[in-house]
Amino acid sequence: MANKTVYFSTDDTKFIDDALPHLGMSLSQALFQGFQLLVKKHQAQQQNFSEIKLSVGQFGIQQYKVFWGRKLYTVQVPSTDQTMIESKRVYQTKGGKFVYYTRLDPNLNYWNTPQSAASGIVPDTTKSAKKFQIVDRLDDLQAALGTDVINQIKASQTKPIEYLDI
């Protein structure tokens, strides 16, 4: 096995000495894990993936799902009475799966109008409804999004990014 020598400044050495006991691993292990993460992040970004962090907690509880992906579709649909708004998103994961994410929240554009302020009703922002679903194929989302949207997403993926030299 080849050896590599790494040099650190005095300030960096103090930081390392303070941090290593909390990591529960050797400096070599920590450096290698950090290097692996950096390489994976760089490779994902080269393929136009980014780290996606979605809130899935309910009733004000903070919980998240984090993955590498790219957004394929997003739409916001207000409720018929305009008091709520549903956000729908579809992501493609680095692993080739698809994530369907929806959240229903108070429509703050409605609740900030003079008419709603005069009503005396205050929306409860902790009562948003969220759905996080992983599927293998876009077609598995046809019931939720409809055939037209699925076909549009598929068509957009033939050339998802166009680089312009303008």
Protein backbone atom coordinates (compact mmCIF):
# COMPACT_ATOMS: atom_id res chain seq x y z
CA MET A 1 0.00 0.00 0.00
CA ALA A 2 1.39 3.41 -0.95
CA ASN A 3 1.81 6.06 1.70
CA LYS A 4 0.95 9.72 1.26
CA THR A 5 2.20 12.53 3.44
CA VAL A 6 -0.18 15.34 4.26
CA TYR A 7 0.97 18.57 5.89
CA PHE A 8 -1.22 20.77 8.09
CA SER A 9 -0.69 24.24 9.49
CA THR A 10 -0.43 24.71 13.24
CA ASP A 11 -3.97 26.13 13.36
CA ASP A 12 -5.31 23.15 11.42
CA THR A 13 -3.54 20.72 13.72
CA LYS A 14 -5.33 22.19 16.75
CA PHE A 15 -8.69 21.85 14.97
CA ILE A 16 -7.90 18.23 14.03
CA ASP A 17 -6.76 17.34 17.54
CA ASP A 18 -9.98 18.81 18.98
CA ALA A 19 -12.27 17.13 16.43
CA LEU A 20 -10.82 13.62 16.13
CA PRO A 21 -11.98 12.32 19.53
CA HIS A 22 -15.58 13.20 18.58
CA LEU A 23 -15.34 11.34 15.28
CA GLY A 24 -14.21 8.06 16.80
CA MET A 25 -11.80 7.29 13.97
CA SER A 26 -8.20 7.85 12.95
CA LEU A 27 -7.07 10.87 10.99
CA SER A 28 -6.41 8.64 8.00
CA GLN A 29 -9.98 7.25 8.10
CA ALA A 30 -11.44 10.74 8.48
CA LEU A 31 -9.42 12.11 5.56
CA PHE A 32 -10.40 9.20 3.34
CA GLN A 33 -14.12 9.48 4.19
CA GLY A 34 -14.00 13.21 3.55
CA PHE A 35 -12.22 12.64 0.24
CA GLN A 36 -14.82 10.04 -0.78
CA LEU A 37 -17.66 12.47 -0.01
CA LEU A 38 -15.96 15.21 -2.01
CA VAL A 39 -15.46 12.93 -5.02
CA LYS A 40 -19.07 11.65 -4.90
CA LYS A 41 -20.37 15.22 -4.67
CA HIS A 42 -18.21 16.33 -7.59
CA GLN A 43 -19.31 13.36 -9.73
CA ALA A 44 -22.98 14.01 -8.96
CA GLN A 45 -22.66 17.70 -9.82
CA GLN A 46 -20.96 16.79 -13.11
CA GLN A 47 -24.13 14.84 -13.96
CA ASN A 48 -26.29 17.85 -12.96
CA PHE A 49 -27.46 16.32 -9.70
CA SER A 50 -27.56 18.30 -6.48
CA GLU A 51 -28.32 17.51 -2.88
CA ILE A 52 -32.09 17.67 -2.35
CA LYS A 53 -33.46 18.18 1.16
CA LEU A 54 -37.23 17.81 1.56
CA SER A 55 -39.21 18.45 4.72
CA VAL A 56 -41.40 15.45 5.53
CA GLY A 57 -42.27 16.20 9.15
CA GLN A 58 -45.88 16.76 10.12
CA PHE A 59 -47.48 19.18 12.61
CA GLY A 60 -44.38 21.31 13.09
CA ILE A 61 -42.02 18.36 13.70
CA GLN A 62 -38.79 18.85 11.74
CA GLN A 63 -37.90 15.74 9.72
CA TYR A 64 -36.14 15.61 6.37
CA LYS A 65 -35.27 13.27 3.52
CA VAL A 66 -31.96 14.04 1.80
CA PHE A 67 -30.81 12.54 -1.51
CA TRP A 68 -28.92 13.37 -4.69
CA GLY A 69 -31.31 14.24 -7.49
CA ARG A 70 -32.52 16.73 -10.05
CA LYS A 71 -35.91 18.36 -10.25
CA LEU A 72 -37.92 17.33 -13.32
CA TYR A 73 -41.29 18.93 -12.58
CA THR A 74 -42.81 21.46 -10.23
CA VAL A 75 -46.23 23.08 -10.07
CA GLN A 76 -48.24 24.95 -7.46
CA VAL A 77 -52.00 24.56 -7.49
CA PRO A 78 -54.25 26.72 -5.28
CA SER A 79 -57.33 25.14 -3.69
CA THR A 80 -60.71 26.13 -5.11
CA ASP A 81 -61.27 28.59 -2.26
CA GLN A 82 -57.67 29.92 -2.63
CA THR A 83 -56.91 29.39 1.10
CA MET A 84 -54.44 26.52 0.55
CA ILE A 85 -51.80 25.79 -2.06
CA GLU A 86 -50.51 22.38 -3.11
CA SER A 87 -46.95 22.07 -4.39
CA LYS A 88 -46.17 19.01 -6.51
CA ARG A 89 -42.64 18.06 -7.49
CA VAL A 90 -40.95 15.17 -9.27
CA TYR A 91 -37.24 14.45 -8.90
CA GLN A 92 -35.00 11.92 -10.59
CA THR A 93 -32.52 10.39 -8.15
CA LYS A 94 -28.89 9.64 -8.91
CA GLY A 95 -29.83 5.96 -8.51
CA GLY A 96 -32.37 6.20 -11.36
CA LYS A 97 -35.54 6.22 -9.25
CA PHE A 98 -38.15 8.98 -9.08
CA VAL A 99 -39.39 10.89 -6.06
CA TYR A 100 -42.88 12.38 -5.96
CA TYR A 101 -43.22 15.05 -3.29
CA THR A 102 -46.31 17.04 -2.45
CA ARG A 103 -47.09 19.47 0.30
CA LEU A 104 -50.28 21.32 1.12
CA ASP A 105 -49.76 24.63 2.92
CA PRO A 106 -51.76 27.75 3.68
CA ASN A 107 -51.73 30.05 0.66
CA LEU A 108 -49.99 33.05 2.20
CA ASN A 109 -50.81 35.17 -0.86
CA TYR A 110 -54.48 34.74 0.02
CA TRP A 111 -54.05 35.17 3.77
CA ASN A 112 -52.16 38.45 3.33
CA THR A 113 -55.07 40.18 1.56
CA PRO A 114 -57.20 42.84 3.31
CA GLN A 115 -60.32 40.63 3.03
CA SER A 116 -58.73 37.67 4.83
CA ALA A 117 -57.17 39.93 7.47
CA ALA A 118 -60.61 41.38 8.20
CA SER A 119 -62.04 37.88 8.67
CA GLY A 120 -60.04 37.41 11.88
CA ILE A 121 -59.05 33.87 10.84
CA VAL A 122 -55.37 33.03 11.24
CA PRO A 123 -54.11 30.02 9.25
CA ASP A 124 -52.22 27.34 11.18
CA THR A 125 -48.93 26.95 9.32
CA THR A 126 -48.00 23.81 11.29
CA LYS A 127 -50.81 21.82 9.71
CA SER A 128 -49.25 21.33 6.30
CA ALA A 129 -49.73 17.91 4.73
CA LYS A 130 -46.75 16.28 3.01
CA LYS A 131 -46.26 13.18 0.91
CA PHE A 132 -42.94 11.60 -0.07
CA GLN A 133 -43.08 8.65 -2.47
CA ILE A 134 -40.28 6.77 -4.28
CA VAL A 135 -41.12 4.91 -7.49
CA ASP A 136 -39.09 2.98 -10.06
CA ARG A 137 -40.72 4.45 -13.18
CA LEU A 138 -42.31 7.76 -14.12
CA ASP A 139 -45.36 5.85 -15.31
CA ASP A 140 -45.97 4.81 -11.70
CA LEU A 141 -46.96 8.46 -11.06
CA GLN A 142 -49.59 8.58 -13.80
CA ALA A 143 -52.50 8.41 -11.35
CA ALA A 144 -51.14 11.39 -9.39
CA LEU A 145 -50.02 13.58 -12.30
CA GLY A 146 -51.91 12.42 -15.39
CA THR A 147 -50.72 11.09 -18.72
CA ASP A 148 -50.06 14.52 -20.27
CA VAL A 149 -47.69 15.61 -17.49
CA ILE A 150 -45.84 12.28 -17.52
CA ASN A 151 -45.39 12.51 -21.31
CA GLN A 152 -44.15 16.11 -21.02
CA ILE A 153 -41.61 15.11 -18.36
CA LYS A 154 -40.39 12.21 -20.53
CA ALA A 155 -40.08 14.48 -23.57
CA SER A 156 -38.13 17.08 -21.60
CA GLN A 157 -35.56 14.47 -20.58
CA THR A 158 -34.30 13.88 -24.11
CA LYS A 159 -32.31 17.11 -23.68
CA PRO A 160 -32.83 18.34 -20.09
CA ILE A 161 -30.14 21.03 -20.26
CA GLU A 162 -29.19 23.21 -23.18
CA TYR A 163 -25.95 25.14 -22.82
CA LEU A 164 -26.05 28.44 -24.69
CA ASP A 165 -23.04 30.35 -25.89
CA ILE A 166 -24.65 33.77 -25.91
